[in-house]
Protein backbone atom coordinates (compact mmCIF):
# COMPACT_ATOMS: atom_id res chain seq x y z
CA MET A 1 -9.62 -42.64 10.26
CA SER A 2 -6.20 -41.87 8.78
CA ARG A 3 -6.02 -40.63 5.22
CA PRO A 4 -3.79 -42.58 2.83
CA LYS A 5 -0.57 -40.84 1.91
CA LEU A 6 -0.38 -40.27 -1.82
CA PHE A 7 2.60 -41.43 -3.88
CA ASN A 8 4.09 -43.66 -1.17
CA GLU A 9 5.89 -45.59 -3.89
CA PHE A 10 8.02 -42.54 -4.73
CA GLN A 11 11.11 -41.80 -2.69
CA GLU A 12 11.33 -38.27 -1.25
CA VAL A 13 14.02 -36.07 -2.79
CA SER A 14 15.93 -33.74 -0.46
CA SER A 15 16.89 -30.19 -1.34
CA LYS A 16 20.53 -31.31 -1.30
CA ALA A 17 19.81 -33.91 -3.98
CA TRP A 18 17.96 -31.35 -6.11
CA LYS A 19 20.88 -28.95 -5.90
CA GLN A 20 23.37 -31.65 -6.83
CA GLN A 21 21.31 -32.52 -9.90
CA ILE A 22 21.08 -28.85 -10.91
CA GLN A 23 24.84 -28.40 -10.52
CA PHE A 24 25.40 -31.47 -12.69
CA ASP A 25 23.08 -30.05 -15.38
CA LEU A 26 24.89 -26.71 -15.32
CA LYS A 27 27.97 -28.47 -16.71
CA GLY A 28 30.51 -26.44 -14.81
CA ALA A 29 28.71 -23.11 -14.64
CA ASP A 30 28.62 -21.50 -11.20
CA TYR A 31 25.31 -22.21 -9.42
CA ASN A 32 25.15 -18.90 -7.53
CA GLU A 33 26.22 -16.69 -10.43
CA THR A 34 23.96 -18.43 -12.94
CA LEU A 35 20.75 -19.07 -11.03
CA VAL A 36 20.70 -16.92 -7.87
CA TRP A 37 19.79 -13.24 -8.07
CA GLU A 38 19.68 -10.60 -5.36
CA SER A 39 16.86 -8.11 -4.81
CA PRO A 40 17.38 -4.44 -3.80
CA GLU A 41 16.51 -5.53 -0.25
CA GLY A 42 19.47 -7.92 -0.16
CA ILE A 43 17.32 -11.05 -0.47
CA LYS A 44 18.92 -13.80 -2.54
CA VAL A 45 16.34 -15.58 -4.67
CA LYS A 46 17.10 -19.22 -5.40
CA PRO A 47 15.95 -21.30 -8.38
CA PHE A 48 13.93 -23.65 -6.17
CA TYR A 49 12.60 -23.93 -2.62
CA HIS A 50 12.13 -27.08 -0.59
CA ALA A 51 10.21 -27.96 2.56
CA ASP A 52 13.33 -29.03 4.45
CA GLU A 53 14.79 -25.50 4.08
CA ILE A 54 11.76 -23.53 5.22
CA GLY A 55 11.69 -24.53 8.86
CA GLU A 56 8.61 -23.69 10.91
CA HIS A 57 5.48 -22.93 8.91
CA ILE A 58 4.40 -19.28 9.03
CA GLU A 59 0.98 -18.66 10.50
CA ALA A 60 0.28 -15.37 8.73
CA PRO A 61 -2.45 -13.36 10.48
CA GLN A 62 -5.64 -13.37 8.45
CA PRO A 63 -7.67 -10.33 7.41
CA MET A 64 -10.85 -9.74 9.37
CA GLY A 65 -13.05 -10.77 6.46
CA SER A 66 -12.39 -13.49 3.92
CA MET A 67 -13.67 -11.26 1.12
CA TRP A 68 -11.60 -8.36 -0.20
CA LYS A 69 -13.54 -5.28 -1.23
CA ILE A 70 -13.52 -3.55 -4.62
CA THR A 71 -12.94 0.09 -3.70
CA GLN A 72 -13.83 3.17 -5.75
CA HIS A 73 -11.91 6.41 -5.14
CA ILE A 74 -14.00 9.59 -5.28
CA TYR A 75 -12.67 13.13 -4.93
CA ALA A 76 -15.34 15.02 -3.00
CA LYS A 77 -15.12 18.67 -3.97
CA ASN A 78 -18.91 18.90 -4.25
CA ALA A 79 -20.94 16.76 -1.83
CA THR A 80 -23.97 16.22 -4.06
CA MET A 81 -21.92 15.29 -7.13
CA ALA A 82 -19.64 12.99 -5.10
CA ASN A 83 -22.68 11.26 -3.58
CA ALA A 84 -24.25 10.67 -7.00
CA LYS A 85 -20.95 9.26 -8.27
CA ALA A 86 -20.66 6.99 -5.23
CA LEU A 87 -24.17 5.58 -5.65
CA GLU A 88 -23.53 4.94 -9.33
CA ALA A 89 -20.23 3.18 -8.54
CA LEU A 90 -21.99 0.93 -6.02
CA LYS A 91 -24.58 0.02 -8.66
CA LYS A 92 -21.78 -0.93 -11.06
CA GLY A 93 -19.93 -3.28 -8.73
CA ALA A 94 -17.97 -1.25 -6.18
CA GLU A 95 -18.25 -2.59 -2.63
CA SER A 96 -16.20 0.04 -0.85
CA LEU A 97 -15.64 3.79 -1.22
CA LEU A 98 -12.60 5.97 -0.63
CA PHE A 99 -13.64 9.63 -0.29
CA THR A 100 -10.99 12.32 -0.52
CA VAL A 101 -12.74 15.20 1.26
CA ALA A 102 -11.42 18.55 0.06
CA SER A 103 -12.72 20.87 2.79
CA GLU A 104 -15.00 21.24 5.80
CA ASP A 105 -17.61 22.75 3.48
CA ILE A 106 -18.51 19.23 2.31
CA LYS A 107 -21.65 18.30 4.23
CA ILE A 108 -21.52 14.74 5.55
CA GLU A 109 -25.28 14.18 5.32
CA ARG A 110 -25.19 15.04 1.61
CA LEU A 111 -22.04 13.05 0.93
CA LEU A 112 -23.34 9.85 2.54
CA LYS A 113 -27.00 10.21 1.60
CA ASP A 114 -28.65 6.86 0.73
CA ILE A 115 -25.34 4.96 0.96
CA PRO A 116 -25.94 1.63 2.79
CA LEU A 117 -23.45 2.09 5.64
CA GLU A 118 -23.93 -1.42 7.04
CA ALA A 119 -22.96 -3.02 3.72
CA THR A 120 -20.34 -0.59 2.39
CA VAL A 121 -16.79 -0.17 3.67
CA ILE A 122 -16.07 3.56 3.61
CA HIS A 123 -12.59 5.07 3.82
CA PHE A 124 -11.97 8.77 4.27
CA ASP A 125 -8.96 10.81 3.20
CA PHE A 126 -9.45 14.21 4.82
CA GLN A 127 -7.32 17.06 3.49
CA PHE A 128 -7.78 18.88 6.81
CA LEU A 129 -7.96 18.05 10.52
CA SER A 130 -11.08 19.03 12.45
CA ALA A 131 -12.70 17.61 15.58
CA SER A 132 -15.98 19.42 14.85
CA TYR A 133 -16.20 17.87 11.38
CA THR A 134 -15.55 14.44 12.88
CA GLN A 135 -18.35 15.09 15.36
CA GLU A 136 -20.69 15.85 12.44
CA LEU A 137 -19.79 12.47 10.94
CA PHE A 138 -20.35 10.68 14.26
CA SER A 139 -23.69 12.44 14.74
CA PHE A 140 -24.85 11.51 11.25
CA VAL A 141 -23.97 7.85 11.69
CA GLY A 142 -25.39 7.65 15.20
CA ASN A 143 -26.11 4.06 16.26
CA LYS A 144 -26.22 2.70 12.72
CA THR A 145 -24.11 -0.33 11.95
CA HIS A 146 -21.21 0.79 9.81
CA ARG A 147 -17.68 0.04 8.62
CA ILE A 148 -16.14 3.50 8.39
CA TYR A 149 -12.40 4.18 8.51
CA LEU A 150 -11.35 7.78 9.21
CA ASN A 151 -7.65 7.20 8.31
CA LEU A 152 -6.30 10.15 10.31
CA ASP A 153 -2.52 10.34 10.04
CA LEU A 154 -0.80 13.41 11.51
CA ILE A 155 2.67 12.00 10.99
CA GLY A 156 1.93 11.00 7.41
CA HIS A 157 0.76 14.54 6.67
CA LEU A 158 3.91 15.94 8.24
CA ALA A 159 6.12 13.57 6.23
CA LYS A 160 4.38 14.38 2.96
CA SER A 161 3.90 18.14 3.30
CA GLY A 162 6.73 19.07 5.66
CA ASN A 163 4.26 20.74 8.05
CA TRP A 164 1.61 19.84 10.61
CA TYR A 165 -2.01 20.63 9.74
CA HIS A 166 -1.93 23.46 12.33
CA ASP A 167 0.99 22.95 14.70
CA LEU A 168 2.31 20.10 16.85
CA LYS A 169 0.30 20.98 19.95
CA LYS A 170 -3.00 21.77 18.23
CA ASP A 171 -2.85 18.71 15.97
CA HIS A 172 -2.39 16.41 18.95
CA GLU A 173 -5.15 18.13 20.90
CA ILE A 174 -7.54 17.63 17.97
CA LEU A 175 -6.56 13.99 17.55
CA GLU A 176 -7.04 13.29 21.25
CA LYS A 177 -10.44 14.99 21.11
CA VAL A 178 -11.37 12.77 18.16
CA PHE A 179 -10.40 9.74 20.25
CA THR A 180 -12.67 10.97 23.05
CA LEU A 181 -15.51 11.40 20.57
CA ASP A 182 -14.68 7.99 19.13
CA HIS A 183 -15.19 6.18 22.44
CA ALA A 184 -18.48 7.98 22.96
CA ASN A 185 -19.71 6.96 19.51
CA ASN A 186 -18.22 3.43 19.19
CA PHE A 187 -15.97 4.24 16.24
CA ASN A 188 -12.94 1.97 16.37
CA ASN A 189 -11.10 2.88 13.17
CA ILE A 190 -9.51 6.28 13.60
CA LEU A 191 -5.83 5.99 12.68
CA ALA A 192 -4.00 5.12 9.48
CA ILE A 193 -0.39 4.69 8.41
CA ASP A 194 0.19 5.98 4.88
CA ALA A 195 3.02 3.66 3.84
CA SER A 196 2.22 4.29 0.16
CA LEU A 197 4.18 7.54 0.50
CA TYR A 198 7.42 5.65 1.11
CA GLN A 199 6.94 3.27 -1.81
CA ASN A 200 6.07 6.09 -4.22
CA ALA A 201 9.14 8.00 -3.04
CA GLY A 202 11.45 5.10 -3.94
CA ALA A 203 11.78 3.05 -0.74
CA ASN A 204 12.66 -0.61 -1.10
CA MET A 205 10.33 -3.13 0.53
CA VAL A 206 12.29 -3.48 3.76
CA GLN A 207 12.26 0.29 4.20
CA GLN A 208 8.52 0.45 3.46
CA LEU A 209 7.78 -2.13 6.14
CA ALA A 210 10.19 -0.74 8.72
CA TYR A 211 9.10 2.87 8.24
CA ALA A 212 5.42 1.87 8.41
CA LEU A 213 6.04 -0.05 11.63
CA SER A 214 8.09 2.75 13.22
CA HIS A 215 5.46 5.25 12.06
CA ALA A 216 2.78 3.15 13.79
CA ASN A 217 4.90 2.85 16.91
CA GLU A 218 4.80 6.62 17.36
CA TYR A 219 1.02 6.40 17.76
CA LEU A 220 1.25 3.39 20.07
CA ASN A 221 3.79 5.21 22.25
CA HIS A 222 1.50 8.20 22.50
CA PHE A 223 -1.90 6.64 22.99
CA THR A 224 -1.08 3.66 25.22
CA ARG A 225 0.03 6.05 27.96
CA ASP A 226 -3.64 6.78 28.59
CA PRO A 227 -5.87 3.68 29.03
CA GLU A 228 -8.86 5.79 28.01
CA ASN A 229 -7.40 6.40 24.56
CA ASN A 230 -6.24 2.91 23.56
CA ILE A 231 -5.97 2.21 19.84
CA GLU A 232 -8.68 -0.26 18.82
CA GLY A 233 -8.05 -0.40 15.07
CA ILE A 234 -5.54 0.80 12.52
CA THR A 235 -5.31 0.96 8.73
CA PHE A 236 -2.16 0.50 6.67
CA LYS A 237 -2.38 2.17 3.27
CA MET A 238 0.05 0.21 1.10
CA ALA A 239 1.23 0.85 -2.46
CA VAL A 240 1.85 -2.32 -4.48
CA GLY A 241 4.38 -2.63 -7.31
CA THR A 242 4.95 -5.20 -10.04
CA ASN A 243 7.48 -7.45 -8.28
CA TYR A 244 4.69 -10.02 -8.06
CA PHE A 245 5.75 -12.54 -5.41
CA PHE A 246 7.68 -9.99 -3.33
CA GLU A 247 4.59 -7.78 -3.13
CA ILE A 248 2.47 -10.71 -1.95
CA ALA A 249 5.06 -11.41 0.73
CA LYS A 250 5.28 -7.70 1.66
CA LEU A 251 1.62 -7.48 2.67
CA ARG A 252 1.84 -10.76 4.59
CA ALA A 253 4.96 -9.46 6.36
CA MET A 254 3.16 -6.22 7.26
CA ARG A 255 0.50 -8.16 9.15
CA LEU A 256 3.12 -10.24 10.94
CA LEU A 257 5.08 -7.15 11.95
CA TRP A 258 2.01 -5.30 13.18
CA LYS A 259 0.91 -8.29 15.24
CA THR A 260 4.40 -8.52 16.75
CA LEU A 261 4.44 -4.82 17.63
CA ALA A 262 0.89 -4.81 19.04
CA ASN A 263 1.75 -7.81 21.22
CA GLU A 264 4.56 -5.79 22.82
CA TYR A 265 1.88 -3.37 24.04
CA ASP A 266 -0.42 -6.24 25.12
CA LEU A 267 -2.89 -5.23 22.43
CA GLU A 268 -4.97 -7.48 20.22
CA VAL A 269 -5.73 -4.91 17.56
CA PRO A 270 -6.40 -6.00 13.99
CA CYS A 271 -5.01 -4.04 11.08
CA HIS A 272 -6.94 -3.23 7.93
CA ILE A 273 -4.87 -3.10 4.73
CA LEU A 274 -6.00 -0.69 2.03
CA ALA A 275 -3.93 -1.48 -1.08
CA LEU A 276 -3.42 0.67 -4.16
CA PRO A 277 -1.19 0.24 -7.23
CA THR A 278 2.01 2.25 -7.06
CA LYS A 279 2.35 5.41 -9.14
CA ARG A 280 6.12 5.06 -9.35
CA ASN A 281 6.16 2.76 -12.39
CA LYS A 282 3.22 4.32 -14.24
CA THR A 283 3.95 6.01 -17.57
CA LEU A 284 2.61 8.83 -19.67
CA TYR A 285 3.59 7.29 -23.01
CA ASP A 286 2.20 3.90 -24.06
CA TYR A 287 -0.28 4.43 -21.24
CA ASN A 288 -2.31 1.29 -22.02
CA VAL A 289 0.54 -0.75 -20.50
CA ASN A 290 -0.52 0.78 -17.18
CA MET A 291 -3.53 -1.56 -17.28
CA LEU A 292 -1.22 -4.58 -17.36
CA ARG A 293 0.81 -3.19 -14.50
CA THR A 294 -2.21 -2.45 -12.30
CA THR A 295 -3.70 -5.89 -13.01
CA THR A 296 -0.66 -7.75 -11.64
CA GLU A 297 -0.40 -5.30 -8.76
CA CYS A 298 -4.02 -5.88 -7.78
CA MET A 299 -3.44 -9.62 -8.02
CA SER A 300 -0.51 -9.33 -5.61
CA ALA A 301 -2.68 -7.30 -3.24
CA ILE A 302 -5.42 -9.94 -3.31
CA LEU A 303 -3.06 -12.86 -2.77
CA GLY A 304 -1.19 -10.92 -0.08
CA GLY A 305 -4.41 -10.56 1.92
CA ALA A 306 -5.44 -6.92 1.45
CA ASP A 307 -8.86 -6.05 2.86
CA SER A 308 -9.74 -3.25 0.43
CA ILE A 309 -8.24 -2.69 -3.02
CA CYS A 310 -8.57 0.61 -4.88
CA ASN A 311 -7.35 0.36 -8.45
CA LEU A 312 -5.66 3.22 -10.32
CA PRO A 313 -7.15 4.22 -13.71
CA TYR A 314 -4.73 3.73 -16.59
CA ASP A 315 -5.04 7.43 -17.56
CA ALA A 316 -4.84 8.89 -14.04
CA LEU A 317 -1.52 10.60 -14.80
CA TYR A 318 -2.79 12.89 -17.53
CA HIS A 319 -6.61 12.87 -17.47
CA LYS A 320 -8.97 14.37 -14.95
CA SER A 321 -11.31 11.94 -13.23
CA ASN A 322 -13.49 10.42 -15.95
CA GLU A 323 -16.14 7.73 -16.21
CA PHE A 324 -14.34 5.58 -18.80
CA GLY A 325 -10.98 5.31 -17.00
CA GLU A 326 -12.67 4.60 -13.68
CA ARG A 327 -14.97 1.99 -15.23
CA ILE A 328 -11.97 0.15 -16.72
CA ALA A 329 -10.17 0.24 -13.35
CA ARG A 330 -13.24 -1.07 -11.53
CA ASN A 331 -13.84 -3.75 -14.15
CA GLN A 332 -10.29 -5.05 -13.72
CA LEU A 333 -11.17 -5.87 -10.11
CA LEU A 334 -14.59 -7.23 -11.04
CA ILE A 335 -12.98 -9.64 -13.51
CA LEU A 336 -10.44 -10.79 -10.91
CA LYS A 337 -13.19 -11.36 -8.38
CA HIS A 338 -16.07 -12.78 -10.39
CA GLU A 339 -14.44 -14.32 -13.47
CA SER A 340 -11.02 -15.34 -12.14
CA TYR A 341 -12.46 -16.50 -8.77
CA PHE A 342 -9.92 -14.61 -6.68
CA ASP A 343 -12.47 -14.44 -3.89
CA GLN A 344 -12.87 -18.17 -3.39
CA VAL A 345 -9.83 -18.99 -1.23
CA ALA A 346 -8.73 -17.37 2.01
CA ASN A 347 -4.96 -16.94 2.31
CA PRO A 348 -4.10 -18.69 -1.01
CA ALA A 349 -0.37 -18.04 -0.54
CA ASP A 350 -0.27 -20.13 2.62
CA GLY A 351 2.19 -23.02 2.30
CA ALA A 352 4.01 -21.72 -0.80
CA TYR A 353 7.66 -22.25 0.14
CA TYR A 354 8.95 -19.35 -1.97
CA ILE A 355 6.42 -16.84 -0.63
CA GLU A 356 6.86 -18.03 2.95
CA SER A 357 10.63 -17.65 2.61
CA LEU A 358 10.22 -14.14 1.21
CA THR A 359 7.72 -13.24 3.96
CA THR A 360 10.13 -14.39 6.67
CA GLN A 361 13.13 -12.60 5.19
CA LEU A 362 11.27 -9.33 4.58
CA ALA A 363 9.82 -9.38 8.10
CA GLU A 364 13.18 -10.15 9.71
CA LYS A 365 15.05 -7.48 7.77
CA ALA A 366 12.32 -4.91 8.41
CA LEU A 367 12.30 -5.71 12.12
CA GLU A 368 16.07 -5.24 12.23
CA LEU A 369 15.77 -1.82 10.55
CA PHE A 370 12.86 -0.93 12.85
CA LYS A 371 15.03 -1.63 15.89
CA THR A 372 17.76 0.60 14.44
CA LEU A 373 15.24 3.41 13.93
CA GLU A 374 13.97 3.08 17.49
CA ALA A 375 17.51 3.00 18.88
CA GLY A 376 18.12 6.26 17.01
CA GLY A 377 15.22 7.99 18.73
CA GLY A 378 12.24 6.81 16.73
CA PHE A 379 10.54 7.70 13.49
CA LEU A 380 9.64 11.33 14.23
CA LYS A 381 13.12 12.20 15.47
CA GLN A 382 14.77 10.68 12.40
CA LEU A 383 12.23 12.41 10.15
CA LYS A 384 13.04 15.78 11.74
CA GLU A 385 16.77 15.08 11.39
CA HIS A 386 16.16 14.22 7.69
CA SER A 387 17.77 10.79 8.11
CA ILE A 388 14.75 9.03 6.62
CA GLN A 389 14.59 11.45 3.69
CA LYS A 390 18.27 10.80 3.01
CA LYS A 391 17.82 7.02 3.01
CA LEU A 392 14.79 7.30 0.73
CA LYS A 393 16.73 9.43 -1.74
CA GLU A 394 19.56 6.89 -1.81
CA SER A 395 17.15 4.03 -2.49
CA ALA A 396 15.26 6.06 -5.12
CA GLN A 397 18.51 6.96 -6.87
CA LYS A 398 19.57 3.32 -7.12
CA GLU A 399 16.22 2.42 -8.65
CA GLN A 400 16.45 5.40 -11.00
CA GLU A 401 19.89 4.28 -12.18
CA HIS A 402 18.49 0.81 -12.90
CA PHE A 403 15.75 2.43 -14.97
CA ASN A 404 18.19 4.72 -16.79
CA THR A 405 20.44 1.78 -17.72
CA GLN A 406 17.46 -0.47 -18.62
CA LYS A 407 18.13 -2.93 -15.81
CA GLU A 408 14.58 -2.05 -14.84
CA VAL A 409 12.36 -1.89 -17.91
CA LEU A 410 9.09 -0.03 -18.40
CA VAL A 411 7.90 -1.23 -21.78
CA GLY A 412 7.03 1.60 -24.14
CA THR A 413 9.04 4.13 -22.16
CA ASN A 414 12.68 3.17 -21.74
CA LYS A 415 12.52 0.16 -24.06
CA TYR A 416 10.46 -0.79 -27.11
CA LEU A 417 9.09 2.74 -27.34
CA ASN A 418 6.95 4.03 -30.17
CA LYS A 419 8.61 7.26 -31.29
CA GLU A 420 5.43 8.28 -33.09
CA ASP A 421 3.48 8.59 -29.83
CA ARG A 422 2.25 12.12 -29.08
CA MET A 423 0.92 13.16 -25.68
CA LYS A 424 1.24 16.95 -25.48
CA ASP A 425 -2.31 17.60 -26.66
CA ASN A 426 -3.86 14.86 -24.49
CA MET A 427 -2.79 16.15 -21.09
CA GLU A 428 -5.49 17.62 -18.86
CA ILE A 429 -3.41 17.60 -15.67
CA PHE A 430 0.29 18.08 -14.92
CA PRO A 431 1.88 14.60 -14.55
CA PHE A 432 5.21 15.56 -12.97
CA VAL A 433 6.50 16.55 -9.55
CA LYS A 434 5.25 20.04 -8.74
CA THR A 435 7.62 22.48 -7.09
CA ASP A 436 5.94 24.77 -4.58
CA ALA A 437 8.33 27.12 -2.83
CA ARG A 438 7.13 27.48 0.76
CA LYS A 439 8.42 27.37 4.29
CA THR A 440 8.33 23.93 5.94
CA LEU A 441 9.35 22.55 9.31
CA LEU A 442 11.22 19.70 7.66
CA GLU A 443 12.07 18.42 4.22
CA PRO A 444 8.96 16.74 2.78
CA ILE A 445 9.14 13.25 1.29
CA ILE A 446 8.54 13.65 -2.44
CA GLU A 447 6.75 11.07 -4.56
CA LYS A 448 8.28 10.78 -8.01
CA ARG A 449 7.78 8.44 -10.95
CA LEU A 450 10.74 6.72 -12.57
CA SER A 451 9.93 7.91 -16.09
CA GLU A 452 9.47 11.63 -15.42
CA ALA A 453 12.77 12.88 -16.87
CA ILE A 454 12.53 10.86 -20.08
CA GLU A 455 8.88 11.89 -20.55
CA GLN A 456 9.65 15.57 -20.09
CA LYS A 457 12.32 15.34 -22.78
CA ARG A 458 9.96 13.56 -25.18
CA LEU A 459 7.25 16.18 -24.62
CA LYS A 460 9.77 18.92 -25.30
CA ASP A 461 10.83 17.23 -28.53
CA GLU A 462 7.30 16.74 -29.86
């Protein structure tokens, strides 16, 4: 039985007719100069989008589960304390945990004690690389049903620190041993791509996507040579900024790009997206505005199809981990999920002409840059030649200039600031880039916030 078409009595209006009407209403003003703006990625944003301009509908790959997970970050310096904090977070609404494990002294059985592994998505962020420690984790889990992501990323560590964990040969030997252990223990989620590093260092969205894809391709090149070590799962750790619709499109484009790349290797490997708010636009002064920023960023992550979302406490820049800041961050996600009903629709951005146009353009531009990187020898080669660092610095400098000239506004910091604010006595941790003179194999990629220079001056003047 055919469904009746609504509004048959109304004549369809083409995009050409809409544009003609807009030009008439502009009364001589230039359409492109008045209503079209260009993003840092070179994408021209129009005042309206129409079905007859979109072309083929995008079938964006869907996340594995229809329900995104509220994720609590826990720094595990003491296993017993971290475990108690994790259990308390789960009681208060967290559905997923992200453990930063400081050293091999942290006992896995203590850290994961009483945590329901079958119901809790667990991400690890190891600050070391050890096959024996991974074996301890595998042995503890055994045959239990679980959703554990190890998030090992040798290249990401190299890019961020400038050095391997040990050295090139030993790191790869350890990773290959972990893969061997993985197949023996049915763990399918070993690798991660830390694309948040590029965003926090000032990369535009096309660079973030292209670098993440080229970064992932290094692992595919390495592991697909041996059928015994095929990649069966991968995590993309993505930082999300406040350019609302672009960020939604960025995550959708990441899934499309990964699917395209995996298909070239004849792999059907899903990707898991772990999304976090960016640190780049967070501020020390007027810090409560950080809550507004992280709320919109988490919304973009949800609508973009992230699997796990770990919010950033509003006071993370200057306070040590504390119960109040973490509760507020967790409650932001709880409100979005349970009061704003952001868990009721799978792929809510599907069919939105503007977002589909942005998704297509970001994916196409990123794929073009990816091909350029591969033609130049690949991600690792360009990282060692400092080409990527140079491009990131150029992009970061452009964004910094926009901030300095108030083309990019952070309310309370470079515009509408309260000169009576005082922060010197509130700081428990150092909120600026730390300089650590040491020998490195290559120039590390440095994460830096936009407001650091202006904040340092204000602190000095207090």
